[in-house]
Amino acid sequence: MTLEKHSFLSEFPDHHHTIRHLKMHDRHFAKLFDEYNDLDHEVFSIESAGIPTTDDNLEQKKMRRVQLKDSLLAMVKKEEAAQ
């Protein structure tokens, strides 16, 4: 199985400009964006380097990452609809 990172920008390249704008002008978005990327890095490290953890812990991290992705994408779409 090939492991890959899921950076928010690489997941949604068509929204690059809106994401950058929100990162600079919306503190809440920036905080969630940073949390998402930190969590993605952590999940990737656990999976690729075999860092010891429980299956439950890893699954909780993945679920939180999905929740963050959904929230961030909703914020991006809302911003784009307002433009």
PDB file of N, CA and C in Angstrom:
ATOM      1  N   MET A   1       0.846  -1.180   0.000  1.00  0.00           N
ATOM      2  CA  MET A   1       0.000   0.000   0.000  1.00  0.00           C
ATOM      3  C   MET A   1       0.890   1.241   0.000  1.00  0.00           C
ATOM      4  N   THR A   2       0.632   2.142  -0.926  1.00  0.00           N
ATOM      5  CA  THR A   2       1.385   3.380  -1.009  1.00  0.00           C
ATOM      6  C   THR A   2       0.762   4.414  -0.071  1.00  0.00           C
ATOM      7  N   LEU A   3       1.602   4.977   0.776  1.00  0.00           N
ATOM      8  CA  LEU A   3       1.136   6.007   1.698  1.00  0.00           C
ATOM      9  C   LEU A   3       1.384   7.372   1.079  1.00  0.00           C
ATOM     10  N   GLU A   4       0.463   8.278   1.314  1.00  0.00           N
ATOM     11  CA  GLU A   4       0.650   9.635   0.820  1.00  0.00           C
ATOM     12  C   GLU A   4       0.060  10.626   1.802  1.00  0.00           C
ATOM     13  N   LYS A   5       0.610  11.821   1.758  1.00  0.00           N
ATOM     14  CA  LYS A   5       0.082  12.896   2.585  1.00  0.00           C
ATOM     15  C   LYS A   5      -1.169  13.450   1.910  1.00  0.00           C
ATOM     16  N   HIS A   6      -2.022  14.028   2.716  1.00  0.00           N
ATOM     17  CA  HIS A   6      -3.275  14.587   2.215  1.00  0.00           C
ATOM     18  C   HIS A   6      -3.363  16.066   2.565  1.00  0.00           C
ATOM     19  N   SER A   7      -2.368  16.838   2.155  1.00  0.00           N
ATOM     20  CA  SER A   7      -2.408  18.266   2.490  1.00  0.00           C
ATOM     21  C   SER A   7      -3.667  18.878   1.887  1.00  0.00           C
ATOM     22  N   PHE A   8      -4.247  19.815   2.614  1.00  0.00           N
ATOM     23  CA  PHE A   8      -5.507  20.409   2.177  1.00  0.00           C
ATOM     24  C   PHE A   8      -5.354  21.088   0.821  1.00  0.00           C
ATOM     25  N   LEU A   9      -4.261  21.788   0.616  1.00  0.00           N
ATOM     26  CA  LEU A   9      -4.044  22.463  -0.673  1.00  0.00           C
ATOM     27  C   LEU A   9      -3.932  21.470  -1.821  1.00  0.00           C
ATOM     28  N   SER A  10      -3.265  20.346  -1.594  1.00  0.00           N
ATOM     29  CA  SER A  10      -3.132  19.366  -2.673  1.00  0.00           C
ATOM     30  C   SER A  10      -4.439  18.624  -2.929  1.00  0.00           C
ATOM     31  N   GLU A  11      -5.289  18.541  -1.921  1.00  0.00           N
ATOM     32  CA  GLU A  11      -6.589  17.893  -2.091  1.00  0.00           C
ATOM     33  C   GLU A  11      -7.545  18.760  -2.913  1.00  0.00           C
ATOM     34  N   PHE A  12      -7.384  20.077  -2.822  1.00  0.00           N
ATOM     35  CA  PHE A  12      -8.308  21.006  -3.487  1.00  0.00           C
ATOM     36  C   PHE A  12      -7.547  22.106  -4.232  1.00  0.00           C
ATOM     37  N   PRO A  13      -6.769  21.742  -5.243  1.00  0.00           N
ATOM     38  CA  PRO A  13      -5.953  22.748  -5.942  1.00  0.00           C
ATOM     39  C   PRO A  13      -6.787  23.809  -6.664  1.00  0.00           C
ATOM     40  N   ASP A  14      -8.017  23.485  -7.043  1.00  0.00           N
ATOM     41  CA  ASP A  14      -8.864  24.467  -7.730  1.00  0.00           C
ATOM     42  C   ASP A  14      -9.287  25.609  -6.816  1.00  0.00           C
ATOM     43  N   HIS A  15      -9.144  25.416  -5.514  1.00  0.00           N
ATOM     44  CA  HIS A  15      -9.546  26.432  -4.536  1.00  0.00           C
ATOM     45  C   HIS A  15      -8.333  27.142  -3.927  1.00  0.00           C
ATOM     46  N   HIS A  16      -7.193  27.020  -4.569  1.00  0.00           N
ATOM     47  CA  HIS A  16      -5.927  27.537  -4.045  1.00  0.00           C
ATOM     48  C   HIS A  16      -6.023  29.004  -3.608  1.00  0.00           C
ATOM     49  N   HIS A  17      -6.559  29.851  -4.468  1.00  0.00           N
ATOM     50  CA  HIS A  17      -6.596  31.290  -4.159  1.00  0.00           C
ATOM     51  C   HIS A  17      -7.512  31.593  -2.969  1.00  0.00           C
ATOM     52  N   THR A  18      -8.640  30.926  -2.915  1.00  0.00           N
ATOM     53  CA  THR A  18      -9.565  31.145  -1.798  1.00  0.00           C
ATOM     54  C   THR A  18      -8.955  30.650  -0.493  1.00  0.00           C
ATOM     55  N   ILE A  19      -8.298  29.513  -0.534  1.00  0.00           N
ATOM     56  CA  ILE A  19      -7.655  28.962   0.666  1.00  0.00           C
ATOM     57  C   ILE A  19      -6.595  29.929   1.172  1.00  0.00           C
ATOM     58  N   ARG A  20      -5.768  30.430   0.282  1.00  0.00           N
ATOM     59  CA  ARG A  20      -4.726  31.394   0.678  1.00  0.00           C
ATOM     60  C   ARG A  20      -5.350  32.656   1.278  1.00  0.00           C
ATOM     61  N   HIS A  21      -6.403  33.140   0.645  1.00  0.00           N
ATOM     62  CA  HIS A  21      -7.087  34.339   1.144  1.00  0.00           C
ATOM     63  C   HIS A  21      -7.635  34.098   2.556  1.00  0.00           C
ATOM     64  N   LEU A  22      -8.306  32.979   2.753  1.00  0.00           N
ATOM     65  CA  LEU A  22      -8.877  32.680   4.065  1.00  0.00           C
ATOM     66  C   LEU A  22      -7.786  32.491   5.121  1.00  0.00           C
ATOM     67  N   LYS A  23      -6.684  31.876   4.741  1.00  0.00           N
ATOM     68  CA  LYS A  23      -5.581  31.699   5.701  1.00  0.00           C
ATOM     69  C   LYS A  23      -5.061  33.041   6.198  1.00  0.00           C
ATOM     70  N   MET A  24      -5.049  34.030   5.332  1.00  0.00           N
ATOM     71  CA  MET A  24      -4.524  35.342   5.704  1.00  0.00           C
ATOM     72  C   MET A  24      -5.543  36.214   6.428  1.00  0.00           C
ATOM     73  N   HIS A  25      -6.838  36.010   6.160  1.00  0.00           N
ATOM     74  CA  HIS A  25      -7.847  36.946   6.644  1.00  0.00           C
ATOM     75  C   HIS A  25      -8.860  36.360   7.625  1.00  0.00           C
ATOM     76  N   ASP A  26      -8.806  35.077   7.878  1.00  0.00           N
ATOM     77  CA  ASP A  26      -9.777  34.447   8.778  1.00  0.00           C
ATOM     78  C   ASP A  26      -9.011  33.594   9.792  1.00  0.00           C
ATOM     79  N   ARG A  27      -8.922  34.090  11.013  1.00  0.00           N
ATOM     80  CA  ARG A  27      -8.142  33.390  12.048  1.00  0.00           C
ATOM     81  C   ARG A  27      -8.676  31.991  12.331  1.00  0.00           C
ATOM     82  N   HIS A  28      -9.994  31.853  12.352  1.00  0.00           N
ATOM     83  CA  HIS A  28     -10.586  30.545  12.631  1.00  0.00           C
ATOM     84  C   HIS A  28     -10.208  29.548  11.533  1.00  0.00           C
ATOM     85  N   PHE A  29     -10.318  29.985  10.282  1.00  0.00           N
ATOM     86  CA  PHE A  29      -9.923  29.125   9.167  1.00  0.00           C
ATOM     87  C   PHE A  29      -8.450  28.752   9.289  1.00  0.00           C
ATOM     88  N   ALA A  30      -7.607  29.728   9.563  1.00  0.00           N
ATOM     89  CA  ALA A  30      -6.166  29.475   9.672  1.00  0.00           C
ATOM     90  C   ALA A  30      -5.861  28.471  10.778  1.00  0.00           C
ATOM     91  N   LYS A  31      -6.566  28.585  11.892  1.00  0.00           N
ATOM     92  CA  LYS A  31      -6.360  27.658  13.010  1.00  0.00           C
ATOM     93  C   LYS A  31      -6.752  26.236  12.611  1.00  0.00           C
ATOM     94  N   LEU A  32      -7.920  26.094  11.981  1.00  0.00           N
ATOM     95  CA  LEU A  32      -8.365  24.774  11.537  1.00  0.00           C
ATOM     96  C   LEU A  32      -7.444  24.215  10.454  1.00  0.00           C
ATOM     97  N   PHE A  33      -6.998  25.079   9.559  1.00  0.00           N
ATOM     98  CA  PHE A  33      -6.084  24.673   8.491  1.00  0.00           C
ATOM     99  C   PHE A  33      -4.787  24.117   9.079  1.00  0.00           C
ATOM    100  N   ASP A  34      -4.231  24.822  10.049  1.00  0.00           N
ATOM    101  CA  ASP A  34      -2.999  24.358  10.696  1.00  0.00           C
ATOM    102  C   ASP A  34      -3.224  23.054  11.450  1.00  0.00           C
ATOM    103  N   GLU A  35      -4.367  22.948  12.129  1.00  0.00           N
ATOM    104  CA  GLU A  35      -4.680  21.706  12.847  1.00  0.00           C
ATOM    105  C   GLU A  35      -4.795  20.540  11.865  1.00  0.00           C
ATOM    106  N   TYR A  36      -5.454  20.777  10.729  1.00  0.00           N
ATOM    107  CA  TYR A  36      -5.595  19.739   9.708  1.00  0.00           C
ATOM    108  C   TYR A  36      -4.222  19.270   9.223  1.00  0.00           C
ATOM    109  N   ASN A  37      -3.362  20.213   8.863  1.00  0.00           N
ATOM    110  CA  ASN A  37      -2.049  19.844   8.337  1.00  0.00           C
ATOM    111  C   ASN A  37      -1.176  19.168   9.387  1.00  0.00           C
ATOM    112  N   ASP A  38      -1.253  19.621  10.636  1.00  0.00           N
ATOM    113  CA  ASP A  38      -0.509  18.962  11.713  1.00  0.00           C
ATOM    114  C   ASP A  38      -0.996  17.529  11.903  1.00  0.00           C
ATOM    115  N   LEU A  39      -2.299  17.352  11.881  1.00  0.00           N
ATOM    116  CA  LEU A  39      -2.880  16.028  12.053  1.00  0.00           C
ATOM    117  C   LEU A  39      -2.537  15.127  10.873  1.00  0.00           C
ATOM    118  N   ASP A  40      -2.568  15.670   9.675  1.00  0.00           N
ATOM    119  CA  ASP A  40      -2.205  14.888   8.495  1.00  0.00           C
ATOM    120  C   ASP A  40      -0.758  14.423   8.589  1.00  0.00           C
ATOM    121  N   HIS A  41       0.121  15.310   9.013  1.00  0.00           N
ATOM    122  CA  HIS A  41       1.528  14.944   9.185  1.00  0.00           C
ATOM    123  C   HIS A  41       1.671  13.842  10.241  1.00  0.00           C
ATOM    124  N   GLU A  42       0.925  13.972  11.327  1.00  0.00           N
ATOM    125  CA  GLU A  42       0.987  12.985  12.402  1.00  0.00           C
ATOM    126  C   GLU A  42       0.499  11.614  11.922  1.00  0.00           C
ATOM    127  N   VAL A  43      -0.617  11.579  11.205  1.00  0.00           N
ATOM    128  CA  VAL A  43      -1.150  10.319  10.681  1.00  0.00           C
ATOM    129  C   VAL A  43      -0.159   9.696   9.707  1.00  0.00           C
ATOM    130  N   PHE A  44       0.385  10.497   8.813  1.00  0.00           N
ATOM    131  CA  PHE A  44       1.362   9.989   7.850  1.00  0.00           C
ATOM    132  C   PHE A  44       2.578   9.415   8.566  1.00  0.00           C
ATOM    133  N   SER A  45       3.060  10.107   9.587  1.00  0.00           N
ATOM    134  CA  SER A  45       4.222   9.635  10.342  1.00  0.00           C
ATOM    135  C   SER A  45       3.934   8.313  11.038  1.00  0.00           C
ATOM    136  N   ILE A  46       2.764   8.204  11.630  1.00  0.00           N
ATOM    137  CA  ILE A  46       2.391   6.958  12.309  1.00  0.00           C
ATOM    138  C   ILE A  46       2.357   5.812  11.309  1.00  0.00           C
ATOM    139  N   GLU A  47       1.736   6.037  10.171  1.00  0.00           N
ATOM    140  CA  GLU A  47       1.581   4.972   9.178  1.00  0.00           C
ATOM    141  C   GLU A  47       2.890   4.626   8.478  1.00  0.00           C
ATOM    142  N   SER A  48       3.689   5.620   8.161  1.00  0.00           N
ATOM    143  CA  SER A  48       4.903   5.361   7.380  1.00  0.00           C
ATOM    144  C   SER A  48       6.088   4.916   8.223  1.00  0.00           C
ATOM    145  N   ALA A  49       6.190   5.429   9.437  1.00  0.00           N
ATOM    146  CA  ALA A  49       7.345   5.102  10.276  1.00  0.00           C
ATOM    147  C   ALA A  49       7.018   4.034  11.310  1.00  0.00           C
ATOM    148  N   GLY A  50       5.786   3.594  11.325  1.00  0.00           N
ATOM    149  CA  GLY A  50       5.407   2.570  12.281  1.00  0.00           C
ATOM    150  C   GLY A  50       5.480   3.040  13.723  1.00  0.00           C
ATOM    151  N   ILE A  51       5.171   4.310  13.949  1.00  0.00           N
ATOM    152  CA  ILE A  51       5.182   4.847  15.308  1.00  0.00           C
ATOM    153  C   ILE A  51       4.113   4.113  16.112  1.00  0.00           C
ATOM    154  N   PRO A  52       4.473   3.598  17.277  1.00  0.00           N
ATOM    155  CA  PRO A  52       3.511   2.822  18.066  1.00  0.00           C
ATOM    156  C   PRO A  52       2.298   3.651  18.488  1.00  0.00           C
ATOM    157  N   THR A  53       1.130   3.099  18.245  1.00  0.00           N
ATOM    158  CA  THR A  53      -0.128   3.697  18.685  1.00  0.00           C
ATOM    159  C   THR A  53      -1.195   2.618  18.623  1.00  0.00           C
ATOM    160  N   THR A  54      -2.323   2.887  19.211  1.00  0.00           N
ATOM    161  CA  THR A  54      -3.424   1.933  19.127  1.00  0.00           C
ATOM    162  C   THR A  54      -4.222   2.193  17.854  1.00  0.00           C
ATOM    163  N   ASP A  55      -4.926   1.170  17.403  1.00  0.00           N
ATOM    164  CA  ASP A  55      -5.784   1.342  16.231  1.00  0.00           C
ATOM    165  C   ASP A  55      -6.847   2.400  16.491  1.00  0.00           C
ATOM    166  N   ASP A  56      -7.395   2.399  17.708  1.00  0.00           N
ATOM    167  CA  ASP A  56      -8.412   3.394  18.057  1.00  0.00           C
ATOM    168  C   ASP A  56      -7.858   4.811  17.964  1.00  0.00           C
ATOM    169  N   ASN A  57      -6.655   5.014  18.456  1.00  0.00           N
ATOM    170  CA  ASN A  57      -6.038   6.342  18.412  1.00  0.00           C
ATOM    171  C   ASN A  57      -5.847   6.799  16.969  1.00  0.00           C
ATOM    172  N   LEU A  58      -5.345   5.913  16.130  1.00  0.00           N
ATOM    173  CA  LEU A  58      -5.129   6.257  14.726  1.00  0.00           C
ATOM    174  C   LEU A  58      -6.461   6.560  14.035  1.00  0.00           C
ATOM    175  N   GLU A  59      -7.470   5.748  14.292  1.00  0.00           N
ATOM    176  CA  GLU A  59      -8.779   5.975  13.677  1.00  0.00           C
ATOM    177  C   GLU A  59      -9.399   7.289  14.148  1.00  0.00           C
ATOM    178  N   GLN A  60      -9.223   7.630  15.420  1.00  0.00           N
ATOM    179  CA  GLN A  60      -9.731   8.910  15.926  1.00  0.00           C
ATOM    180  C   GLN A  60      -9.053  10.077  15.221  1.00  0.00           C
ATOM    181  N   LYS A  61      -7.754   9.954  15.001  1.00  0.00           N
ATOM    182  CA  LYS A  61      -7.022  11.010  14.296  1.00  0.00           C
ATOM    183  C   LYS A  61      -7.523  11.147  12.855  1.00  0.00           C
ATOM    184  N   LYS A  62      -7.750  10.024  12.208  1.00  0.00           N
ATOM    185  CA  LYS A  62      -8.248  10.061  10.837  1.00  0.00           C
ATOM    186  C   LYS A  62      -9.653  10.656  10.766  1.00  0.00           C
ATOM    187  N   MET A  63     -10.494  10.305  11.725  1.00  0.00           N
ATOM    188  CA  MET A  63     -11.849  10.856  11.752  1.00  0.00           C
ATOM    189  C   MET A  63     -11.820  12.367  11.990  1.00  0.00           C
ATOM    190  N   ARG A  64     -10.962  12.815  12.872  1.00  0.00           N
ATOM    191  CA  ARG A  64     -10.831  14.257  13.123  1.00  0.00           C
ATOM    192  C   ARG A  64     -10.343  14.965  11.862  1.00  0.00           C
ATOM    193  N   ARG A  65      -9.423  14.328  11.142  1.00  0.00           N
ATOM    194  CA  ARG A  65      -8.916  14.909   9.898  1.00  0.00           C
ATOM    195  C   ARG A  65     -10.054  15.068   8.889  1.00  0.00           C
ATOM    196  N   VAL A  66     -10.918  14.077   8.787  1.00  0.00           N
ATOM    197  CA  VAL A  66     -12.067  14.159   7.877  1.00  0.00           C
ATOM    198  C   VAL A  66     -13.013  15.278   8.305  1.00  0.00           C
ATOM    199  N   GLN A  67     -13.269  15.384   9.602  1.00  0.00           N
ATOM    200  CA  GLN A  67     -14.134  16.456  10.106  1.00  0.00           C
ATOM    201  C   GLN A  67     -13.557  17.831   9.773  1.00  0.00           C
ATOM    202  N   LEU A  68     -12.258  17.976   9.975  1.00  0.00           N
ATOM    203  CA  LEU A  68     -11.609  19.249   9.664  1.00  0.00           C
ATOM    204  C   LEU A  68     -11.680  19.549   8.171  1.00  0.00           C
ATOM    205  N   LYS A  69     -11.443  18.535   7.352  1.00  0.00           N
ATOM    206  CA  LYS A  69     -11.496  18.730   5.902  1.00  0.00           C
ATOM    207  C   LYS A  69     -12.887  19.194   5.484  1.00  0.00           C
ATOM    208  N   ASP A  70     -13.918  18.561   6.033  1.00  0.00           N
ATOM    209  CA  ASP A  70     -15.289  18.949   5.706  1.00  0.00           C
ATOM    210  C   ASP A  70     -15.574  20.392   6.126  1.00  0.00           C
ATOM    211  N   SER A  71     -15.143  20.755   7.321  1.00  0.00           N
ATOM    212  CA  SER A  71     -15.364  22.120   7.816  1.00  0.00           C
ATOM    213  C   SER A  71     -14.627  23.144   6.964  1.00  0.00           C
ATOM    214  N   LEU A  72     -13.379  22.855   6.654  1.00  0.00           N
ATOM    215  CA  LEU A  72     -12.578  23.777   5.848  1.00  0.00           C
ATOM    216  C   LEU A  72     -13.164  23.947   4.451  1.00  0.00           C
ATOM    217  N   LEU A  73     -13.562  22.843   3.838  1.00  0.00           N
ATOM    218  CA  LEU A  73     -14.123  22.929   2.493  1.00  0.00           C
ATOM    219  C   LEU A  73     -15.435  23.710   2.497  1.00  0.00           C
ATOM    220  N   ALA A  74     -16.243  23.526   3.526  1.00  0.00           N
ATOM    221  CA  ALA A  74     -17.489  24.298   3.634  1.00  0.00           C
ATOM    222  C   ALA A  74     -17.185  25.789   3.734  1.00  0.00           C
ATOM    223  N   MET A  75     -16.160  26.147   4.481  1.00  0.00           N
ATOM    224  CA  MET A  75     -15.776  27.553   4.611  1.00  0.00           C
ATOM    225  C   MET A  75     -15.282  28.104   3.278  1.00  0.00           C
ATOM    226  N   VAL A  76     -14.526  27.308   2.544  1.00  0.00           N
ATOM    227  CA  VAL A  76     -14.021  27.726   1.235  1.00  0.00           C
ATOM    228  C   VAL A  76     -15.190  27.960   0.278  1.00  0.00           C
ATOM    229  N   LYS A  77     -16.109  27.012   0.235  1.00  0.00           N
ATOM    230  CA  LYS A  77     -17.253  27.140  -0.674  1.00  0.00           C
ATOM    231  C   LYS A  77     -18.133  28.332  -0.307  1.00  0.00           C
ATOM    232  N   LYS A  78     -18.304  28.573   0.978  1.00  0.00           N
ATOM    233  CA  LYS A  78     -19.093  29.725   1.421  1.00  0.00           C
ATOM    234  C   LYS A  78     -18.428  31.026   0.974  1.00  0.00           C
ATOM    235  N   GLU A  79     -17.114  31.102   1.121  1.00  0.00           N
ATOM    236  CA  GLU A  79     -16.366  32.297   0.697  1.00  0.00           C
ATOM    237  C   GLU A  79     -16.485  32.500  -0.810  1.00  0.00           C
ATOM    238  N   GLU A  80     -16.370  31.426  -1.570  1.00  0.00           N
ATOM    239  CA  GLU A  80     -16.459  31.538  -3.027  1.00  0.00           C
ATOM    240  C   GLU A  80     -17.865  31.930  -3.475  1.00  0.00           C
ATOM    241  N   ALA A  81     -18.875  31.449  -2.776  1.00  0.00           N
ATOM    242  CA  ALA A  81     -20.256  31.803  -3.124  1.00  0.00           C
ATOM    243  C   ALA A  81     -20.536  33.277  -2.845  1.00  0.00           C
ATOM    244  N   ALA A  82     -19.835  33.836  -1.869  1.00  0.00           N
ATOM    245  CA  ALA A  82     -20.035  35.240  -1.499  1.00  0.00           C
ATOM    246  C   ALA A  82     -19.337  36.191  -2.467  1.00  0.00           C
ATOM    247  N   GLN A  83     -18.449  35.682  -3.271  1.00  0.00           N
ATOM    248  CA  GLN A  83     -17.677  36.543  -4.183  1.00  0.00           C
ATOM    249  C   GLN A  83     -18.420  36.799  -5.470  1.00  0.00           C
TER     250      GLN A  83
END
